[in-house]
Amino acid sequence: MPVQTDLPRIQNQEWSNIQANDLYRKLPFWIAANNSKMMTKYSTWQKLTGTLAWKPKQGTQVKGVRAEPTPVVRQFLHPNRITTTPVKDVFEVRETEEDEFLYRQNFESKAIHFLDSFEAWRDDQVGFALKDISAQIACAQDLFIRSHMWYKSPAVMFAGSDGSIASASEYEIDVPVNLGNAANTVAGSKNNDWLGTNLPGVKSNLSLRTVMRALAIISEDVQAPPYESTAMIPVEDEGLKGLYCLIGSTEAHCALWDDPELRTRMKSDNEDIIHSGWGGKIGGLTRWKFERYPMRIQYTAVAGGSPTIAFPAPQIIADGGYNDGETVPNPDYTNPNVAQYEVAWLMGADSYRTLKVGPAPADFSAAERGTMSQGAFKALRWNGEVRVTKDFLVDYATPNGGVEKSTNMYGDFLKLISDVTFGSLPINRRYCLPIIFKRTRVAQTAASASGANQTST
């Protein structure tokens, strides 16, 4: 199997777990450079959250404490005249806190074996493995952050609800907030039973009206602040300053472009969903951010029983045919008729802080400029660092056809390994609003311009 997940850390080394020995022939030095590039390329969510301050040996739990401003409690002000004794307002600042645990996971390649000599590596094959494991770590960090946001969000928007969902409301502010598990069965969480009850009431795609209603909710009902400074976002994403962020798939973005409401308002109301490289400004208050692997849900009705809920894998390995063994998109994930529902996100600033995965930019830049010695560069350790090791047991064939374990004392094999610590701490979880909507594709004809492609009202 090319991908194995959730394995125990200690397991027997088998020949089936040895990387094919003709795949890799070169070990490049630029591990850190590649790790940094992959984090930049594949990260979406880490860019939109603040950095969580934590270092090893600081404990296994993090606590976030924030000062709460006093509320505005009136719409009019009636002070006394200056000739009389003034009245006064007294304010009391409070603190709220969030507790969160840290998590840890190992990533590694299969063992890589060479046959000829230490120098006879075929060009760039270890480099390809390095890119692959770095990309998987970046993707895992994004999935971790999004998973926590999903389970901890205290409110959910059901696009175009017809009233048949449990809350009978398009915007539900009392949803479960417990963390889930791999089977999505934890009580008190947004588990499969909760999804099975609520998904049939979702009747709209991510239309302009749905986006505008969500924007009104997050700015008025939630009063989340927009992204205002580069402290929360990288320089390349400064297009988000002063705006809320709408995170969604390319498919949803294309369907929104086909929205008749947007097509009639695009030039007059400052909608620029087509011409902006960042993904488009919508309504002058929110900007689109593309998500590589959006959260998609498959709902299957069962006669006389509870529906089944599944989260199809985004990619699979082709089995047979001209592209046997190729990594390809999973049809169950890409087909709107199979995975019928998707989740978009409308975010304000300061919703979460997350533990950074990847090299520290300042140290890495110094190394690239040559202002750091090679010894100091090699001594750098960062969360999610990919490194090479020969320190593991391998199986060797015996003359009688058996297998015996031995240390890798001759260095015949190597592995790429990484140890990653994950952390996600809510600062104000209300500032992140998930929007569940029905998936749709741009219509083949212009019939959608009359509203055929939109189901919200």
Protein backbone atom coordinates (compact mmCIF):
# COMPACT_ATOMS: atom_id res chain seq x y z
CA MET A 1 0.00 0.00 0.00
CA PRO A 2 1.40 3.43 -0.93
CA VAL A 3 -0.38 5.10 2.00
CA GLN A 4 -0.84 3.63 5.48
CA THR A 5 -2.47 5.74 8.19
CA ASP A 6 -2.93 5.55 11.95
CA LEU A 7 -0.42 2.73 12.43
CA PRO A 8 1.02 1.93 15.85
CA ARG A 9 4.36 3.61 16.31
CA ILE A 10 6.19 0.30 16.90
CA GLN A 11 5.46 -2.43 14.38
CA ASN A 12 7.30 -5.35 12.79
CA GLN A 13 9.41 -4.49 9.77
CA GLU A 14 8.28 -6.57 6.80
CA TRP A 15 9.56 -6.75 3.26
CA SER A 16 6.19 -5.43 2.14
CA ASN A 17 7.07 -2.28 4.08
CA ILE A 18 10.31 -1.69 2.15
CA GLN A 19 10.21 0.99 -0.54
CA ALA A 20 10.91 -0.39 -4.01
CA ASN A 21 14.69 -0.10 -4.34
CA ASP A 22 14.73 1.31 -7.87
CA LEU A 23 12.79 4.47 -7.03
CA TYR A 24 15.36 6.65 -5.32
CA ARG A 25 18.95 7.47 -6.27
CA LYS A 26 19.81 10.87 -4.82
CA LEU A 27 19.72 12.58 -1.45
CA PRO A 28 19.60 16.39 -1.88
CA PHE A 29 20.76 18.78 0.81
CA TRP A 30 17.83 21.17 0.52
CA ILE A 31 15.51 19.42 2.99
CA ALA A 32 14.71 22.64 4.83
CA ALA A 33 14.12 24.59 1.62
CA ASN A 34 11.76 21.95 0.32
CA ASN A 35 9.93 21.68 3.64
CA SER A 36 9.36 25.42 3.66
CA LYS A 37 8.16 25.51 0.06
CA MET A 38 5.70 22.67 0.61
CA MET A 39 4.24 24.33 3.71
CA THR A 40 3.73 27.53 1.73
CA LYS A 41 2.22 25.73 -1.24
CA TYR A 42 -0.18 23.42 0.53
CA SER A 43 -1.15 25.37 3.66
CA THR A 44 -4.47 27.24 3.72
CA TRP A 45 -5.67 27.27 7.30
CA GLN A 46 -2.38 27.91 9.07
CA LYS A 47 -2.05 31.17 7.11
CA LEU A 48 -5.41 32.38 8.43
CA THR A 49 -4.74 31.75 12.10
CA GLY A 50 -2.46 33.40 14.61
CA THR A 51 0.62 31.63 15.95
CA LEU A 52 0.34 29.69 19.19
CA ALA A 53 3.32 30.36 21.46
CA TRP A 54 4.57 27.02 22.76
CA LYS A 55 7.92 25.28 23.02
CA PRO A 56 8.84 21.70 23.96
CA LYS A 57 8.98 21.05 27.72
CA GLN A 58 6.28 23.65 28.38
CA GLY A 59 3.68 21.00 29.16
CA THR A 60 1.08 19.03 27.25
CA GLN A 61 -1.75 21.51 27.62
CA VAL A 62 -2.07 25.12 26.51
CA LYS A 63 -4.32 27.78 27.99
CA GLY A 64 -5.54 30.89 26.22
CA VAL A 65 -6.63 33.84 28.33
CA ARG A 66 -8.04 36.95 26.72
CA ALA A 67 -9.42 40.19 28.11
CA GLU A 68 -13.06 40.79 27.25
CA PRO A 69 -14.16 44.35 26.46
CA THR A 70 -17.14 45.72 28.34
CA PRO A 71 -20.39 45.61 26.37
CA VAL A 72 -22.10 48.60 24.78
CA VAL A 73 -25.34 48.62 26.77
CA ARG A 74 -27.35 51.53 25.30
CA GLN A 75 -28.28 53.22 22.06
CA PHE A 76 -28.70 56.72 23.50
CA LEU A 77 -26.62 58.86 25.86
CA HIS A 78 -28.26 61.35 28.22
CA PRO A 79 -25.59 63.05 30.34
CA ASN A 80 -26.46 65.72 32.89
CA ARG A 81 -26.05 69.35 32.08
CA ILE A 82 -22.65 70.82 32.87
CA THR A 83 -24.17 72.98 35.62
CA THR A 84 -25.23 69.91 37.60
CA THR A 85 -23.45 66.91 39.11
CA PRO A 86 -22.47 64.50 36.33
CA VAL A 87 -23.38 60.85 36.37
CA LYS A 88 -20.66 58.30 35.71
CA ASP A 89 -20.13 55.01 33.90
CA VAL A 90 -18.11 52.29 35.63
CA PHE A 91 -16.45 49.61 33.52
CA GLU A 92 -15.12 46.21 34.56
CA VAL A 93 -12.85 44.29 32.22
CA ARG A 94 -13.19 40.52 32.47
CA GLU A 95 -11.13 37.57 31.28
CA THR A 96 -12.20 34.40 29.52
CA GLU A 97 -10.09 31.33 28.86
CA GLU A 98 -9.88 28.29 26.61
CA ASP A 99 -7.96 25.09 27.39
CA GLU A 100 -6.61 22.78 24.73
CA PHE A 101 -4.37 19.73 24.60
CA LEU A 102 -1.43 19.23 22.28
CA TYR A 103 -1.30 16.30 19.87
CA ARG A 104 1.50 14.41 18.19
CA GLN A 105 1.88 12.22 15.12
CA ASN A 106 4.80 10.59 13.29
CA PHE A 107 5.28 10.61 9.53
CA GLU A 108 7.79 8.49 7.62
CA SER A 109 8.58 7.06 4.22
CA LYS A 110 9.05 3.40 3.58
CA ALA A 111 12.64 2.17 3.88
CA ILE A 112 14.73 3.12 0.85
CA HIS A 113 17.41 0.64 -0.25
CA PHE A 114 20.36 1.20 -2.57
CA LEU A 115 22.22 -1.56 -4.42
CA ASP A 116 25.21 -0.03 -6.16
CA SER A 117 27.11 2.44 -4.01
CA PHE A 118 26.63 5.47 -1.82
CA GLU A 119 27.03 7.76 -4.83
CA ALA A 120 24.96 5.88 -7.40
CA TRP A 121 21.64 7.58 -6.71
CA ARG A 122 19.35 8.09 -9.68
CA ASP A 123 18.56 11.77 -10.14
CA ASP A 124 16.03 13.41 -7.77
CA GLN A 125 14.12 10.36 -6.55
CA VAL A 126 14.79 10.94 -2.85
CA GLY A 127 13.95 14.56 -3.59
CA PHE A 128 10.56 13.48 -4.87
CA ALA A 129 9.96 11.46 -1.70
CA LEU A 130 10.94 14.50 0.34
CA LYS A 131 8.45 16.69 -1.52
CA ASP A 132 5.76 14.07 -1.03
CA ILE A 133 6.16 13.67 2.73
CA SER A 134 6.47 17.45 3.19
CA ALA A 135 3.24 17.98 1.25
CA GLN A 136 1.48 15.32 3.32
CA ILE A 137 2.59 17.02 6.55
CA ALA A 138 1.35 20.40 5.31
CA CYS A 139 -1.96 18.81 4.33
CA ALA A 140 -2.21 17.09 7.72
CA GLN A 141 -1.71 20.41 9.52
CA ASP A 142 -4.54 21.95 7.49
CA LEU A 143 -6.82 19.00 8.19
CA PHE A 144 -6.04 19.16 11.91
CA ILE A 145 -6.90 22.85 12.13
CA ARG A 146 -10.08 22.46 10.09
CA SER A 147 -11.17 19.42 12.11
CA HIS A 148 -10.88 21.35 15.36
CA MET A 149 -12.73 24.33 13.90
CA TRP A 150 -15.53 22.06 12.68
CA TYR A 151 -16.06 20.24 15.94
CA LYS A 152 -15.61 23.30 18.18
CA SER A 153 -17.74 25.75 16.18
CA PRO A 154 -20.77 26.69 18.33
CA ALA A 155 -22.84 27.72 15.30
CA VAL A 156 -23.50 26.33 11.83
CA MET A 157 -25.30 27.79 8.84
CA PHE A 158 -27.51 25.46 6.79
CA ALA A 159 -27.79 27.04 3.34
CA GLY A 160 -31.39 27.61 2.29
CA SER A 161 -32.87 25.50 5.08
CA ASP A 162 -36.47 24.50 4.42
CA GLY A 163 -37.28 24.18 8.13
CA SER A 164 -37.00 20.37 8.21
CA ILE A 165 -33.66 20.39 10.03
CA ALA A 166 -33.64 19.81 13.76
CA SER A 167 -33.33 23.51 14.58
CA ALA A 168 -35.88 24.61 11.95
CA SER A 169 -33.53 27.54 11.33
CA GLU A 170 -30.96 28.36 8.68
CA TYR A 171 -28.58 29.63 11.34
CA GLU A 172 -28.26 27.40 14.39
CA ILE A 173 -26.33 28.75 17.38
CA ASP A 174 -26.63 25.79 19.73
CA VAL A 175 -24.84 22.95 17.95
CA PRO A 176 -22.64 20.26 19.58
CA VAL A 177 -19.04 21.33 20.33
CA ASN A 178 -17.31 18.13 21.55
CA LEU A 179 -14.33 16.83 19.58
CA GLY A 180 -15.04 13.82 17.40
CA ASN A 181 -13.14 10.66 16.50
CA ALA A 182 -12.20 8.83 13.31
CA ALA A 183 -15.58 7.06 13.19
CA ASN A 184 -17.41 10.35 13.93
CA THR A 185 -19.50 8.74 16.66
CA VAL A 186 -18.63 10.74 19.80
CA ALA A 187 -21.72 11.76 21.74
CA GLY A 188 -22.22 15.50 21.99
CA SER A 189 -20.26 16.17 18.78
CA LYS A 190 -21.30 16.91 15.21
CA ASN A 191 -21.41 13.16 14.69
CA ASN A 192 -23.00 11.06 11.97
CA ASP A 193 -26.36 11.00 13.75
CA TRP A 194 -26.38 14.80 13.96
CA LEU A 195 -25.46 15.10 10.29
CA GLY A 196 -28.04 12.49 9.28
CA THR A 197 -30.74 14.52 11.02
CA ASN A 198 -29.79 17.92 9.65
CA LEU A 199 -28.42 17.42 6.13
CA PRO A 200 -31.77 16.70 4.39
CA GLY A 201 -32.96 20.21 5.30
CA VAL A 202 -30.12 21.87 3.41
CA LYS A 203 -31.68 22.97 0.12
CA SER A 204 -29.39 25.63 -1.37
CA ASN A 205 -26.02 25.74 -3.00
CA LEU A 206 -23.54 28.43 -1.98
CA SER A 207 -25.46 31.23 -3.70
CA LEU A 208 -24.77 34.95 -3.40
CA ARG A 209 -27.78 35.29 -1.13
CA THR A 210 -26.41 32.58 1.17
CA VAL A 211 -23.03 34.34 1.30
CA MET A 212 -24.65 37.69 2.02
CA ARG A 213 -26.79 36.22 4.82
CA ALA A 214 -23.70 34.59 6.35
CA LEU A 215 -21.79 37.87 6.05
CA ALA A 216 -24.59 39.74 7.82
CA ILE A 217 -24.54 37.12 10.58
CA ILE A 218 -20.79 37.18 11.19
CA SER A 219 -20.55 40.97 11.06
CA GLU A 220 -23.80 41.85 12.87
CA ASP A 221 -24.93 38.91 15.02
CA VAL A 222 -21.43 37.68 15.89
CA GLN A 223 -19.61 41.02 15.47
CA ALA A 224 -16.41 39.31 14.42
CA PRO A 225 -13.59 41.67 13.40
CA PRO A 226 -12.28 41.53 9.81
CA TYR A 227 -8.64 40.84 9.06
CA GLU A 228 -6.93 44.16 9.63
CA SER A 229 -3.18 43.63 9.92
CA THR A 230 -0.43 41.43 8.58
CA ALA A 231 0.08 39.95 12.04
CA MET A 232 -2.54 37.33 11.19
CA ILE A 233 -1.74 36.78 7.52
CA PRO A 234 1.41 36.40 5.40
CA VAL A 235 2.56 39.23 3.15
CA GLU A 236 1.43 37.43 0.01
CA ASP A 237 -2.12 37.39 1.39
CA GLU A 238 -2.41 41.10 2.19
CA GLY A 239 -5.40 41.26 -0.15
CA LEU A 240 -7.41 40.12 2.86
CA LYS A 241 -6.75 43.25 4.93
CA GLY A 242 -9.97 44.86 6.11
CA LEU A 243 -12.10 41.95 4.86
CA TYR A 244 -13.65 38.71 6.05
CA CYS A 245 -12.38 35.50 4.46
CA LEU A 246 -14.67 33.07 2.64
CA ILE A 247 -12.96 29.70 2.19
CA GLY A 248 -14.37 27.33 -0.40
CA SER A 249 -13.69 25.02 -3.32
CA THR A 250 -13.12 25.87 -6.96
CA GLU A 251 -16.40 24.12 -7.75
CA ALA A 252 -18.37 26.38 -5.39
CA HIS A 253 -16.55 29.44 -6.73
CA CYS A 254 -17.49 28.54 -10.30
CA ALA A 255 -21.13 27.96 -9.35
CA LEU A 256 -21.18 31.32 -7.56
CA TRP A 257 -19.91 32.99 -10.75
CA ASP A 258 -22.96 31.51 -12.51
CA ASP A 259 -25.30 32.95 -9.86
CA PRO A 260 -27.81 35.28 -11.61
CA GLU A 261 -27.76 37.62 -8.61
CA LEU A 262 -23.99 38.03 -8.85
CA ARG A 263 -24.01 38.46 -12.62
CA THR A 264 -26.42 41.39 -12.37
CA ARG A 265 -24.65 43.05 -9.43
CA MET A 266 -21.02 42.31 -10.23
CA LYS A 267 -20.15 45.67 -11.81
CA SER A 268 -22.36 47.90 -9.70
CA ASP A 269 -21.79 46.64 -6.17
CA ASN A 270 -17.99 46.20 -6.15
CA GLU A 271 -18.07 42.46 -6.76
CA ASP A 272 -14.83 41.44 -8.42
CA ILE A 273 -15.06 37.68 -8.26
CA ILE A 274 -13.55 37.23 -11.73
CA HIS A 275 -10.65 39.62 -12.05
CA SER A 276 -8.88 39.34 -8.70
CA GLY A 277 -6.05 36.84 -8.46
CA TRP A 278 -6.90 36.11 -4.83
CA GLY A 279 -10.29 34.69 -5.74
CA GLY A 280 -12.47 37.77 -5.80
CA LYS A 281 -14.02 40.33 -3.51
CA ILE A 282 -17.71 39.75 -2.84
CA GLY A 283 -19.94 42.56 -1.67
CA GLY A 284 -16.96 44.68 -0.74
CA LEU A 285 -16.58 42.90 2.62
CA THR A 286 -15.34 39.38 1.98
CA ARG A 287 -12.70 37.77 -0.21
CA TRP A 288 -12.58 34.23 -1.51
CA LYS A 289 -9.77 31.85 -0.53
CA PHE A 290 -9.51 28.58 -2.43
CA GLU A 291 -9.29 25.34 -0.46
CA ARG A 292 -7.49 22.43 -2.08
CA TYR A 293 -9.39 19.58 -0.40
CA PRO A 294 -12.72 20.92 0.93
CA MET A 295 -14.81 19.02 3.45
CA ARG A 296 -17.40 16.96 1.52
CA ILE A 297 -20.07 14.70 2.94
CA GLN A 298 -21.85 11.71 1.41
CA TYR A 299 -25.42 11.12 2.61
CA THR A 300 -27.10 7.79 1.81
CA ALA A 301 -30.69 7.17 2.81
CA VAL A 302 -31.47 3.72 4.23
CA ALA A 303 -35.03 2.39 3.94
CA GLY A 304 -36.42 1.86 7.41
CA GLY A 305 -33.23 2.89 9.15
CA SER A 306 -30.85 5.70 9.88
CA PRO A 307 -28.95 7.21 6.93
CA THR A 308 -25.27 6.47 6.51
CA ILE A 309 -22.73 9.29 6.49
CA ALA A 310 -19.32 9.09 4.84
CA PHE A 311 -16.41 11.43 4.14
CA PRO A 312 -14.84 10.13 0.89
CA ALA A 313 -11.06 10.35 0.55
CA PRO A 314 -10.05 13.11 -1.90
CA GLN A 315 -7.70 10.82 -3.83
CA ILE A 316 -7.26 7.13 -4.60
CA ILE A 317 -4.81 4.86 -6.47
CA ALA A 318 -5.99 3.85 -9.95
CA ASP A 319 -6.43 0.08 -10.19
CA GLY A 320 -6.02 -1.27 -13.71
CA GLY A 321 -6.29 0.48 -17.05
CA TYR A 322 -3.81 2.75 -18.80
CA ASN A 323 -2.97 4.62 -15.57
CA ASP A 324 -2.70 1.69 -13.20
CA GLY A 325 -1.02 2.84 -9.99
CA GLU A 326 -1.53 6.55 -10.65
CA THR A 327 -2.78 8.86 -7.87
CA VAL A 328 -6.09 10.21 -9.16
CA PRO A 329 -9.09 12.12 -7.76
CA ASN A 330 -11.64 9.91 -6.03
CA PRO A 331 -14.89 9.90 -8.09
CA ASP A 332 -16.92 9.54 -4.90
CA TYR A 333 -15.32 12.77 -3.65
CA THR A 334 -15.56 14.81 -6.86
CA ASN A 335 -19.08 13.76 -7.96
CA PRO A 336 -21.79 16.09 -6.55
CA ASN A 337 -24.33 13.28 -6.90
CA VAL A 338 -22.33 11.07 -4.51
CA ALA A 339 -20.83 13.48 -1.99
CA GLN A 340 -23.81 15.83 -2.14
CA TYR A 341 -22.83 18.30 0.58
CA GLU A 342 -19.87 20.56 1.15
CA VAL A 343 -18.72 22.95 3.86
CA ALA A 344 -17.51 26.50 3.21
CA TRP A 345 -16.19 28.77 5.94
CA LEU A 346 -16.63 32.46 6.66
CA MET A 347 -13.92 33.69 9.01
CA GLY A 348 -13.08 36.82 10.90
CA ALA A 349 -9.73 37.63 12.49
CA ASP A 350 -8.52 36.22 15.81
CA SER A 351 -10.69 33.10 15.78
CA TYR A 352 -7.93 30.55 16.47
CA ARG A 353 -4.23 30.33 17.13
CA THR A 354 -2.34 27.27 15.96
CA LEU A 355 1.03 25.69 16.57
CA LYS A 356 3.33 26.43 13.65
CA VAL A 357 4.53 23.48 11.58
CA GLY A 358 7.58 24.08 9.39
CA PRO A 359 10.86 26.00 9.54
CA ALA A 360 11.10 29.35 11.27
CA PRO A 361 11.18 31.94 8.42
CA ALA A 362 13.93 34.11 9.98
CA ASP A 363 16.35 31.21 10.55
CA PHE A 364 15.62 29.68 7.17
CA SER A 365 16.16 33.01 5.37
CA ALA A 366 19.48 33.47 7.17
CA ALA A 367 20.57 30.02 6.01
CA GLU A 368 19.63 30.83 2.40
CA ARG A 369 21.58 34.09 2.52
CA GLY A 370 24.65 32.27 3.78
CA THR A 371 24.78 34.20 7.06
CA MET A 372 24.40 31.00 9.06
CA SER A 373 27.11 28.35 9.32
CA GLN A 374 26.41 24.86 8.03
CA GLY A 375 26.80 23.49 11.56
CA ALA A 376 24.30 25.96 12.97
CA PHE A 377 21.92 25.25 10.11
CA LYS A 378 22.07 21.49 10.73
CA ALA A 379 21.47 22.09 14.44
CA LEU A 380 18.16 23.83 13.76
CA ARG A 381 15.15 21.87 14.93
CA TRP A 382 11.64 22.88 14.04
CA ASN A 383 8.22 21.32 14.35
CA GLY A 384 7.58 19.08 11.35
CA GLU A 385 11.22 18.92 10.24
CA VAL A 386 11.81 16.12 7.75
CA ARG A 387 15.14 14.36 8.34
CA VAL A 388 17.00 11.28 7.17
CA THR A 389 17.69 8.33 9.46
CA LYS A 390 19.39 4.95 9.16
CA ASP A 391 18.52 4.01 12.74
CA PHE A 392 15.93 1.23 12.43
CA LEU A 393 15.70 -2.55 12.23
CA VAL A 394 15.32 -4.32 8.90
CA ASP A 395 14.50 -7.86 7.83
CA TYR A 396 17.09 -9.89 5.96
CA ALA A 397 16.54 -13.19 4.14
CA THR A 398 18.36 -16.22 5.55
CA PRO A 399 19.87 -19.02 3.42
CA ASN A 400 17.09 -21.43 4.41
CA GLY A 401 14.40 -19.08 3.13
CA GLY A 402 13.51 -17.51 6.44
CA VAL A 403 13.73 -13.91 7.62
CA GLU A 404 15.75 -12.53 10.51
CA LYS A 405 15.94 -9.06 11.97
CA SER A 406 19.16 -7.11 12.10
CA THR A 407 20.27 -3.56 12.68
CA ASN A 408 20.86 -1.35 9.67
CA MET A 409 24.58 -1.28 10.61
CA TYR A 410 25.85 -1.09 7.03
CA GLY A 411 23.46 1.72 6.11
CA ASP A 412 21.86 -0.24 3.29
CA PHE A 413 18.52 1.47 3.99
CA LEU A 414 17.37 4.93 4.92
CA LYS A 415 14.07 6.58 5.81
CA LEU A 416 12.65 10.07 5.74
CA ILE A 417 10.97 10.75 9.07
CA SER A 418 9.20 13.60 10.80
CA ASP A 419 7.74 14.10 14.27
CA VAL A 420 4.93 16.68 14.33
CA THR A 421 3.21 18.31 17.28
CA PHE A 422 -0.20 19.81 16.55
CA GLY A 423 -2.06 22.42 18.57
CA SER A 424 -5.15 24.53 17.92
CA LEU A 425 -6.43 26.94 20.54
CA PRO A 426 -9.72 28.84 20.10
CA ILE A 427 -9.39 32.55 20.76
CA ASN A 428 -12.98 33.32 19.86
CA ARG A 429 -14.55 30.32 18.20
CA ARG A 430 -17.67 32.30 17.25
CA TYR A 431 -15.62 34.16 14.64
CA CYS A 432 -15.47 31.05 12.43
CA LEU A 433 -18.77 30.09 10.77
CA PRO A 434 -19.08 26.81 8.81
CA ILE A 435 -21.69 26.87 6.03
CA ILE A 436 -23.14 23.53 4.89
CA PHE A 437 -24.53 23.70 1.36
CA LYS A 438 -25.64 21.45 -1.49
CA ARG A 439 -23.06 21.01 -4.20
CA THR A 440 -23.82 22.04 -7.76
CA ARG A 441 -21.88 22.52 -10.97
CA VAL A 442 -22.13 25.34 -13.51
CA ALA A 443 -24.97 24.49 -15.90
CA GLN A 444 -24.12 23.46 -19.46
CA THR A 445 -26.51 26.05 -20.88
CA ALA A 446 -27.42 29.63 -20.07
CA ALA A 447 -30.60 28.38 -18.40
CA SER A 448 -28.88 28.92 -15.07
CA ALA A 449 -28.93 32.67 -15.73
CA SER A 450 -32.65 32.62 -15.02
CA GLY A 451 -32.08 30.94 -11.69
CA ALA A 452 -32.16 27.24 -12.67
CA ASN A 453 -28.83 26.67 -10.95
CA GLN A 454 -29.81 28.41 -7.71
CA THR A 455 -32.13 26.95 -5.11
CA SER A 456 -32.05 29.58 -2.36
CA THR A 457 -34.59 32.27 -1.95
